[in-house]
Amino acid sequence: MNANVDHLMQSGLGQWLEEQTAMRAAAREKAASRWTWSAAILMPVLAFVWFGPESFSTFRGIVALGGIGTAIWWGYQPIAAAKRTVKIGINSAIAKSHGVEYSHKAEAGPEFEAAKRYGLVPSHDRSGFEDRWFGTLSGHGFELYEAHLEERRGSGKNQRWVTVFRGVIIRMGFGRPFRSTTLLQRAGEHRKWFGLGGTKDTVSFGGHRLDVVDQVHPAFDAVFGLFSDDQVEARVLVHPSYIEHLLRLEKAFGGKELRALFTQGQVIITVESRDLFESGAMDAAEDRMRVAEAAEQFAALAGLALAINQTERGRVLAEAQLPAAPPEPAPAPVTAPAPVPPENAALPEEAFAAMPVTRPMRGFGRKGL
């Protein structure tokens, strides 16, 4: 990763960031000027409202909070704009190094509607999207953007907005043709009788029925649940030999839950995570660190999409995000070499034993299904 950051900085990004020093300084000065003028105007107004006629008593708190909040927001806008400019410059350079494009603004597409229909994201009342990465990876159309979904809770004065999902939506053309619809989720998403009695045999999404897929290796069910309208094709699309790899990749960029939908020749992936790609900063000393962080985040997500897409470049990119394996003990003498299973063969029991096994999930983020 250090070599990649060095290449980015030496390919023009480092010089461009140095050129933004004056812009960032001007933004700080403008913000300070706005806050000074706001204080000069607000102080006499607030003093009059606070110590004025008793008829103002009902509105004192509202006026004070509203005035101070507006002043802080107005003053911060030059800083926010400067951070956004730096962020766009850094992320655009990272995207270019991967042969794709970047846009700070994003709009949800058909993949988000499919994600809602098949339960890859929770129900919500308000949505926001940003940080769109799009283009072609390994010859397949690729799109990634962040989503922030909120639900209105409470009523009256207690009404508030609660985040129910923050993470990434990924869409990518799949590496082989298929006609089925297959849903990959963590184990425990769809259970009988309020969590009792095991996984449901069938689930329905807008009238589309998907049946549970019994895996070749029974330990697979402890990690992921698989539903499809074509049992045979589902086993070809999602075989256990790369599940551990996906789990490690998920952990590499701080993702909480991975869900994937294979439909209409594409794979749609959602991953709950923290706010990503925030590479803009006012302190130039943080630029390199933020470039490295954003580059690692995108490489991990691109590697995840390519790995689940079963491409060679996906395995290479993904391996770059994984921690180095501990040294292996000296092998014991053997009388004959062990046979190597094919890629789509079931993993041995000990391989699954090493995987993290989650307890049945009860929903997304802070809100259940």
Protein backbone atom coordinates (compact mmCIF):
# COMPACT_ATOMS: atom_id res chain seq x y z
CA MET A 1 0.00 0.00 0.00
CA ASN A 2 2.89 2.41 0.73
CA ALA A 3 4.18 1.92 -2.81
CA ASN A 4 0.74 2.77 -4.20
CA VAL A 5 0.54 5.96 -2.11
CA ASP A 6 4.05 6.95 -3.20
CA HIS A 7 3.03 6.48 -6.83
CA LEU A 8 -0.12 8.56 -6.35
CA MET A 9 1.77 11.40 -4.65
CA GLN A 10 4.51 11.39 -7.29
CA SER A 11 2.05 11.28 -10.20
CA GLY A 12 0.84 14.83 -9.68
CA LEU A 13 -1.39 14.47 -6.62
CA GLY A 14 1.35 15.59 -4.23
CA GLN A 15 2.01 18.77 -6.20
CA TRP A 16 -1.71 19.49 -6.55
CA LEU A 17 -2.19 19.16 -2.79
CA GLU A 18 0.67 21.59 -2.17
CA GLU A 19 -1.07 24.07 -4.48
CA GLN A 20 -4.17 23.92 -2.26
CA THR A 21 -2.32 25.42 0.72
CA ALA A 22 -3.35 28.99 -0.19
CA MET A 23 -6.94 27.92 -0.83
CA ARG A 24 -7.18 26.27 2.60
CA ALA A 25 -5.65 29.30 4.32
CA ALA A 26 -8.14 31.60 2.58
CA ALA A 27 -11.01 29.36 3.71
CA ARG A 28 -9.86 29.58 7.34
CA GLU A 29 -9.66 33.36 7.15
CA LYS A 30 -13.09 33.64 5.57
CA ALA A 31 -14.60 31.38 8.23
CA ALA A 32 -13.00 33.43 11.02
CA SER A 33 -14.30 36.64 9.47
CA ARG A 34 -17.82 35.27 9.23
CA TRP A 35 -17.80 34.14 12.86
CA THR A 36 -16.50 37.54 13.97
CA TRP A 37 -19.25 39.40 12.10
CA SER A 38 -21.86 36.94 13.40
CA ALA A 39 -20.78 37.55 16.99
CA ALA A 40 -20.86 41.31 16.50
CA ILE A 41 -24.42 41.17 15.17
CA LEU A 42 -25.78 38.48 17.46
CA MET A 43 -24.54 39.80 20.80
CA PRO A 44 -26.75 42.92 20.95
CA VAL A 45 -29.72 41.06 19.43
CA LEU A 46 -29.47 38.22 21.95
CA ALA A 47 -28.96 40.66 24.81
CA PHE A 48 -32.13 42.53 23.84
CA VAL A 49 -34.15 39.31 23.52
CA TRP A 50 -32.78 37.80 26.73
CA PHE A 51 -33.09 40.89 28.93
CA GLY A 52 -35.90 42.62 27.04
CA PRO A 53 -39.66 42.62 27.61
CA GLU A 54 -41.18 39.62 29.36
CA SER A 55 -43.25 38.93 26.25
CA PHE A 56 -40.04 37.64 24.62
CA SER A 57 -39.54 34.98 27.31
CA THR A 58 -41.27 32.25 25.32
CA PHE A 59 -38.94 32.72 22.35
CA ARG A 60 -35.65 33.41 24.12
CA GLY A 61 -34.33 29.88 23.93
CA ILE A 62 -35.44 29.36 20.34
CA VAL A 63 -33.93 32.65 19.14
CA ALA A 64 -30.67 32.05 21.00
CA LEU A 65 -30.15 28.50 19.74
CA GLY A 66 -31.32 29.37 16.24
CA GLY A 67 -29.06 32.41 15.98
CA ILE A 68 -25.97 30.68 17.33
CA GLY A 69 -26.55 27.57 15.20
CA THR A 70 -27.00 29.63 12.04
CA ALA A 71 -23.84 31.61 12.75
CA ILE A 72 -21.76 28.49 13.29
CA TRP A 73 -23.15 26.87 10.09
CA TRP A 74 -22.59 30.03 7.99
CA GLY A 75 -19.05 30.45 9.22
CA TYR A 76 -18.14 26.81 8.60
CA GLN A 77 -19.20 26.80 4.94
CA PRO A 78 -15.84 28.00 3.52
CA ILE A 79 -14.05 25.24 5.47
CA ALA A 80 -16.55 22.62 4.27
CA ALA A 81 -16.05 23.76 0.67
CA ALA A 82 -12.25 23.57 1.03
CA LYS A 83 -12.43 20.06 2.49
CA ARG A 84 -14.76 19.00 -0.34
CA THR A 85 -12.33 20.34 -2.96
CA VAL A 86 -9.41 18.41 -1.45
CA LYS A 87 -11.52 15.28 -1.07
CA ILE A 88 -12.63 15.35 -4.71
CA GLY A 89 -9.04 15.83 -5.86
CA ILE A 90 -7.70 12.93 -3.78
CA ASN A 91 -10.51 10.51 -4.58
CA SER A 92 -10.40 11.35 -8.29
CA ALA A 93 -6.69 10.52 -8.36
CA ILE A 94 -7.33 7.21 -6.59
CA ALA A 95 -10.11 6.36 -9.03
CA LYS A 96 -7.90 7.18 -12.02
CA SER A 97 -5.21 4.83 -10.70
CA HIS A 98 -7.79 2.02 -10.85
CA GLY A 99 -9.08 2.99 -14.29
CA VAL A 100 -12.46 4.26 -13.03
CA GLU A 101 -14.01 7.67 -12.36
CA TYR A 102 -15.13 9.43 -9.19
CA SER A 103 -17.96 11.87 -8.45
CA HIS A 104 -18.73 13.42 -5.08
CA LYS A 105 -22.44 13.46 -5.95
CA ALA A 106 -24.39 10.23 -6.40
CA GLU A 107 -27.92 9.12 -7.16
CA ALA A 108 -29.43 5.73 -6.48
CA GLY A 109 -30.00 3.49 -9.49
CA PRO A 110 -31.88 0.24 -10.21
CA GLU A 111 -29.43 -1.66 -8.00
CA PHE A 112 -30.70 0.25 -4.97
CA GLU A 113 -34.30 -0.63 -5.81
CA ALA A 114 -33.27 -4.29 -6.05
CA ALA A 115 -31.43 -3.98 -2.73
CA LYS A 116 -34.60 -2.64 -1.10
CA ARG A 117 -36.82 -5.31 -2.64
CA TYR A 118 -34.68 -8.24 -1.51
CA GLY A 119 -33.85 -6.92 1.96
CA LEU A 120 -30.22 -5.95 1.45
CA VAL A 121 -31.04 -2.62 3.11
CA PRO A 122 -33.71 -1.84 5.73
CA SER A 123 -36.90 0.17 5.30
CA HIS A 124 -36.36 3.91 5.73
CA ASP A 125 -37.99 7.33 5.36
CA ARG A 126 -35.06 9.38 4.13
CA SER A 127 -32.00 8.56 2.03
CA GLY A 128 -28.80 10.30 0.97
CA PHE A 129 -26.06 9.21 -1.42
CA GLU A 130 -22.51 10.40 -2.14
CA ASP A 131 -19.04 9.29 -3.27
CA ARG A 132 -19.77 7.51 -6.55
CA TRP A 133 -17.03 5.39 -8.14
CA PHE A 134 -17.92 4.06 -11.59
CA GLY A 135 -16.44 2.60 -14.76
CA THR A 136 -15.08 -0.80 -15.71
CA LEU A 137 -13.10 -3.29 -13.64
CA SER A 138 -11.72 -6.46 -15.24
CA GLY A 139 -13.96 -5.88 -18.25
CA HIS A 140 -17.18 -5.61 -16.22
CA GLY A 141 -19.33 -2.57 -15.54
CA PHE A 142 -18.73 -1.35 -11.98
CA GLU A 143 -20.48 1.17 -9.72
CA LEU A 144 -20.04 1.90 -6.03
CA TYR A 145 -21.53 4.63 -3.86
CA GLU A 146 -22.25 5.34 -0.22
CA ALA A 147 -25.77 5.35 1.18
CA HIS A 148 -27.07 6.90 4.40
CA LEU A 149 -30.59 5.75 5.29
CA GLU A 150 -32.65 7.20 8.13
CA GLU A 151 -36.02 6.49 9.71
CA ARG A 152 -38.28 9.00 11.46
CA ARG A 153 -38.89 7.96 15.07
CA GLY A 154 -41.14 9.39 17.76
CA SER A 155 -43.78 12.08 17.40
CA GLY A 156 -44.32 15.75 18.19
CA LYS A 157 -41.42 17.34 20.06
CA ASN A 158 -39.79 13.91 20.47
CA GLN A 159 -39.58 13.31 16.73
CA ARG A 160 -36.06 12.52 15.53
CA TRP A 161 -34.15 10.93 12.66
CA VAL A 162 -32.32 7.67 13.37
CA THR A 163 -29.70 6.13 11.11
CA VAL A 164 -30.71 2.58 10.14
CA PHE A 165 -28.04 1.97 7.51
CA ARG A 166 -24.75 3.55 6.54
CA GLY A 167 -22.58 1.75 4.07
CA VAL A 168 -21.80 1.05 0.43
CA ILE A 169 -23.86 -0.22 -2.49
CA ILE A 170 -21.88 -2.03 -5.19
CA ARG A 171 -23.10 -3.22 -8.60
CA MET A 172 -20.96 -5.20 -10.99
CA GLY A 173 -21.49 -7.32 -14.09
CA PHE A 174 -20.83 -10.94 -13.16
CA GLY A 175 -17.94 -13.00 -14.51
CA ARG A 176 -20.14 -15.73 -15.99
CA PRO A 177 -23.66 -15.76 -17.44
CA PHE A 178 -26.58 -16.84 -15.24
CA ARG A 179 -30.37 -16.53 -15.21
CA SER A 180 -31.36 -17.20 -11.63
CA THR A 181 -31.86 -14.88 -8.64
CA THR A 182 -29.72 -15.85 -5.65
CA LEU A 183 -29.51 -14.09 -2.28
CA LEU A 184 -26.47 -14.40 0.01
CA GLN A 185 -26.88 -13.18 3.59
CA ARG A 186 -25.39 -13.90 6.98
CA ALA A 187 -26.86 -16.91 8.74
CA GLY A 188 -29.95 -16.13 10.81
CA GLU A 189 -31.50 -13.41 8.62
CA HIS A 190 -34.60 -15.51 7.89
CA ARG A 191 -35.61 -17.81 10.73
CA LYS A 192 -38.79 -19.65 11.61
CA TRP A 193 -41.06 -18.74 14.50
CA PHE A 194 -39.40 -15.55 15.69
CA GLY A 195 -35.90 -17.02 15.61
CA LEU A 196 -36.82 -20.54 16.71
CA GLY A 197 -36.81 -23.65 14.59
CA GLY A 198 -33.94 -22.91 12.20
CA THR A 199 -33.86 -21.20 8.83
CA LYS A 200 -37.01 -20.80 6.74
CA ASP A 201 -37.38 -23.15 3.79
CA THR A 202 -38.62 -20.36 1.54
CA VAL A 203 -38.71 -16.56 1.55
CA SER A 204 -40.69 -14.23 -0.69
CA PHE A 205 -39.82 -10.75 -1.94
CA GLY A 206 -42.57 -8.91 -3.77
CA GLY A 207 -44.08 -12.21 -4.83
CA HIS A 208 -40.74 -13.69 -5.94
CA ARG A 209 -40.14 -16.93 -4.06
CA LEU A 210 -36.61 -18.06 -3.19
CA ASP A 211 -35.88 -21.45 -1.62
CA VAL A 212 -33.12 -22.16 0.86
CA VAL A 213 -30.09 -23.77 -0.76
CA ASP A 214 -28.56 -26.69 1.11
CA GLN A 215 -24.81 -26.37 0.75
CA VAL A 216 -22.38 -29.16 -0.08
CA HIS A 217 -20.64 -28.59 3.24
CA PRO A 218 -23.05 -28.32 6.20
CA ALA A 219 -20.78 -25.89 8.13
CA PHE A 220 -21.49 -23.26 5.46
CA ASP A 221 -24.90 -22.73 7.04
CA ALA A 222 -23.27 -21.50 10.26
CA VAL A 223 -21.74 -18.55 8.40
CA PHE A 224 -24.05 -17.65 5.51
CA GLY A 225 -27.58 -18.29 4.38
CA LEU A 226 -28.31 -18.84 0.70
CA PHE A 227 -31.68 -18.59 -1.07
CA SER A 228 -32.35 -18.98 -4.78
CA ASP A 229 -34.91 -19.85 -7.46
CA ASP A 230 -32.36 -22.23 -9.05
CA GLN A 231 -30.61 -24.62 -6.67
CA VAL A 232 -28.05 -25.87 -9.17
CA GLU A 233 -27.00 -22.47 -10.46
CA ALA A 234 -26.81 -21.05 -6.93
CA ARG A 235 -24.16 -23.62 -5.99
CA VAL A 236 -22.12 -22.60 -9.02
CA LEU A 237 -22.38 -18.89 -8.24
CA VAL A 238 -21.70 -19.18 -4.50
CA HIS A 239 -19.39 -22.03 -3.59
CA PRO A 240 -17.83 -22.35 -0.12
CA SER A 241 -14.19 -22.17 -1.31
CA TYR A 242 -14.07 -18.34 -1.14
CA ILE A 243 -16.39 -17.63 1.81
CA GLU A 244 -13.53 -17.34 4.31
CA HIS A 245 -11.79 -14.98 1.91
CA LEU A 246 -14.86 -12.71 1.77
CA LEU A 247 -15.18 -12.67 5.54
CA ARG A 248 -11.57 -11.58 5.95
CA LEU A 249 -12.02 -8.88 3.33
CA GLU A 250 -15.17 -7.68 5.05
CA LYS A 251 -13.19 -7.29 8.26
CA ALA A 252 -10.32 -5.51 6.50
CA PHE A 253 -12.35 -2.36 5.85
CA GLY A 254 -14.45 -2.41 9.00
CA GLY A 255 -17.66 -3.72 7.43
CA LYS A 256 -20.32 -5.07 9.75
CA GLU A 257 -22.51 -7.13 7.43
CA LEU A 258 -22.08 -8.32 3.87
CA ARG A 259 -25.12 -9.13 1.73
CA ALA A 260 -25.13 -9.98 -1.97
CA LEU A 261 -27.77 -10.46 -4.64
CA PHE A 262 -27.07 -12.25 -7.92
CA THR A 263 -29.72 -11.21 -10.44
CA GLN A 264 -30.05 -10.40 -14.14
CA GLY A 265 -26.41 -11.18 -14.85
CA GLN A 266 -25.11 -8.83 -12.14
CA VAL A 267 -24.06 -9.01 -8.53
CA ILE A 268 -25.25 -6.34 -6.09
CA ILE A 269 -23.39 -6.07 -2.79
CA THR A 270 -24.21 -4.03 0.31
CA VAL A 271 -21.84 -3.64 3.24
CA GLU A 272 -22.66 -1.80 6.45
CA SER A 273 -19.69 0.33 7.49
CA ARG A 274 -18.62 3.68 8.89
CA ASP A 275 -18.44 6.81 6.74
CA LEU A 276 -15.77 6.09 4.11
CA PHE A 277 -13.63 8.06 1.61
CA GLU A 278 -13.47 11.21 3.77
CA SER A 279 -10.05 12.21 2.47
CA GLY A 280 -10.45 16.00 2.65
CA ALA A 281 -8.68 17.85 5.48
CA MET A 282 -7.64 21.41 6.35
CA ASP A 283 -4.27 20.33 7.77
CA ALA A 284 -1.86 19.58 4.90
CA ALA A 285 0.15 17.35 7.25
CA GLU A 286 -2.76 14.87 7.21
CA ASP A 287 -2.92 14.62 3.40
CA ARG A 288 -0.71 11.56 2.97
CA MET A 289 -2.44 9.67 5.78
CA ARG A 290 -5.86 10.42 4.31
CA VAL A 291 -4.74 9.45 0.79
CA ALA A 292 -3.51 6.12 2.15
CA GLU A 293 -6.74 5.51 4.08
CA ALA A 294 -9.06 6.31 1.17
CA ALA A 295 -6.92 4.29 -1.25
CA GLU A 296 -7.01 1.28 1.07
CA GLN A 297 -10.76 1.57 1.54
CA PHE A 298 -11.48 1.67 -2.18
CA ALA A 299 -9.01 -1.11 -2.99
CA ALA A 300 -10.63 -3.33 -0.35
CA LEU A 301 -14.13 -2.69 -1.69
CA ALA A 302 -13.08 -3.14 -5.31
CA GLY A 303 -11.28 -6.33 -4.30
CA LEU A 304 -14.44 -7.56 -2.58
CA ALA A 305 -16.54 -6.98 -5.68
CA LEU A 306 -13.98 -8.71 -7.90
CA ALA A 307 -13.52 -11.59 -5.48
CA ILE A 308 -17.23 -12.31 -5.25
CA ASN A 309 -17.26 -11.95 -9.04
CA GLN A 310 -14.71 -14.80 -9.15
CA THR A 311 -12.12 -12.99 -11.28
CA GLU A 312 -8.35 -13.43 -11.15
CA ARG A 313 -7.76 -9.71 -10.57
CA GLY A 314 -10.20 -9.90 -7.67
CA ARG A 315 -8.10 -12.51 -5.95
CA VAL A 316 -4.93 -10.41 -6.50
CA LEU A 317 -6.52 -7.17 -5.25
CA ALA A 318 -8.16 -8.90 -2.32
CA GLU A 319 -4.96 -10.64 -1.23
CA ALA A 320 -3.28 -7.23 -1.05
CA GLN A 321 -5.84 -6.20 1.62
CA LEU A 322 -5.42 -9.26 3.82
CA PRO A 323 -3.04 -9.42 6.79
CA ALA A 324 0.04 -11.53 6.33
CA ALA A 325 -0.40 -15.13 7.33
CA PRO A 326 1.54 -16.28 10.42
CA PRO A 327 4.56 -18.52 9.77
CA GLU A 328 3.61 -22.14 9.41
CA PRO A 329 5.20 -24.82 11.61
CA ALA A 330 7.59 -27.27 10.01
CA PRO A 331 5.59 -29.91 8.17
CA ALA A 332 5.49 -33.41 9.53
CA PRO A 333 6.87 -36.18 7.30
CA VAL A 334 4.29 -37.58 4.94
CA THR A 335 4.34 -40.67 2.82
CA ALA A 336 2.49 -39.19 -0.13
CA PRO A 337 1.38 -35.72 -1.24
CA ALA A 338 -2.20 -34.80 -0.38
CA PRO A 339 -4.50 -34.31 -3.37
CA VAL A 340 -5.45 -30.68 -4.17
CA PRO A 341 -9.23 -30.18 -4.37
CA PRO A 342 -10.68 -28.19 -7.27
CA GLU A 343 -11.58 -24.53 -6.66
CA ASN A 344 -15.31 -25.18 -6.28
CA ALA A 345 -14.89 -28.13 -3.94
CA ALA A 346 -16.25 -27.99 -0.39
CA LEU A 347 -13.83 -26.81 2.26
CA PRO A 348 -12.72 -29.27 4.94
CA GLU A 349 -14.30 -29.01 8.36
CA GLU A 350 -11.22 -27.38 9.90
CA ALA A 351 -11.35 -24.51 7.41
CA PHE A 352 -14.84 -23.57 8.54
CA ALA A 353 -13.89 -23.99 12.17
CA ALA A 354 -11.48 -21.08 11.75
CA MET A 355 -14.15 -18.74 10.45
CA PRO A 356 -15.90 -16.22 12.70
CA VAL A 357 -19.42 -17.48 13.37
CA THR A 358 -21.95 -14.79 14.16
CA ARG A 359 -25.07 -15.26 16.19
CA PRO A 360 -28.35 -14.84 14.36
CA MET A 361 -28.71 -11.22 13.36
CA ARG A 362 -31.84 -9.31 14.23
CA GLY A 363 -31.65 -6.59 11.61
CA PHE A 364 -29.71 -3.62 10.31
CA GLY A 365 -27.74 -1.14 12.36
CA ARG A 366 -29.84 0.08 15.26
CA LYS A 367 -33.12 -1.09 13.81
CA GLY A 368 -34.55 -4.54 13.28
CA LEU A 369 -36.32 -5.79 10.20
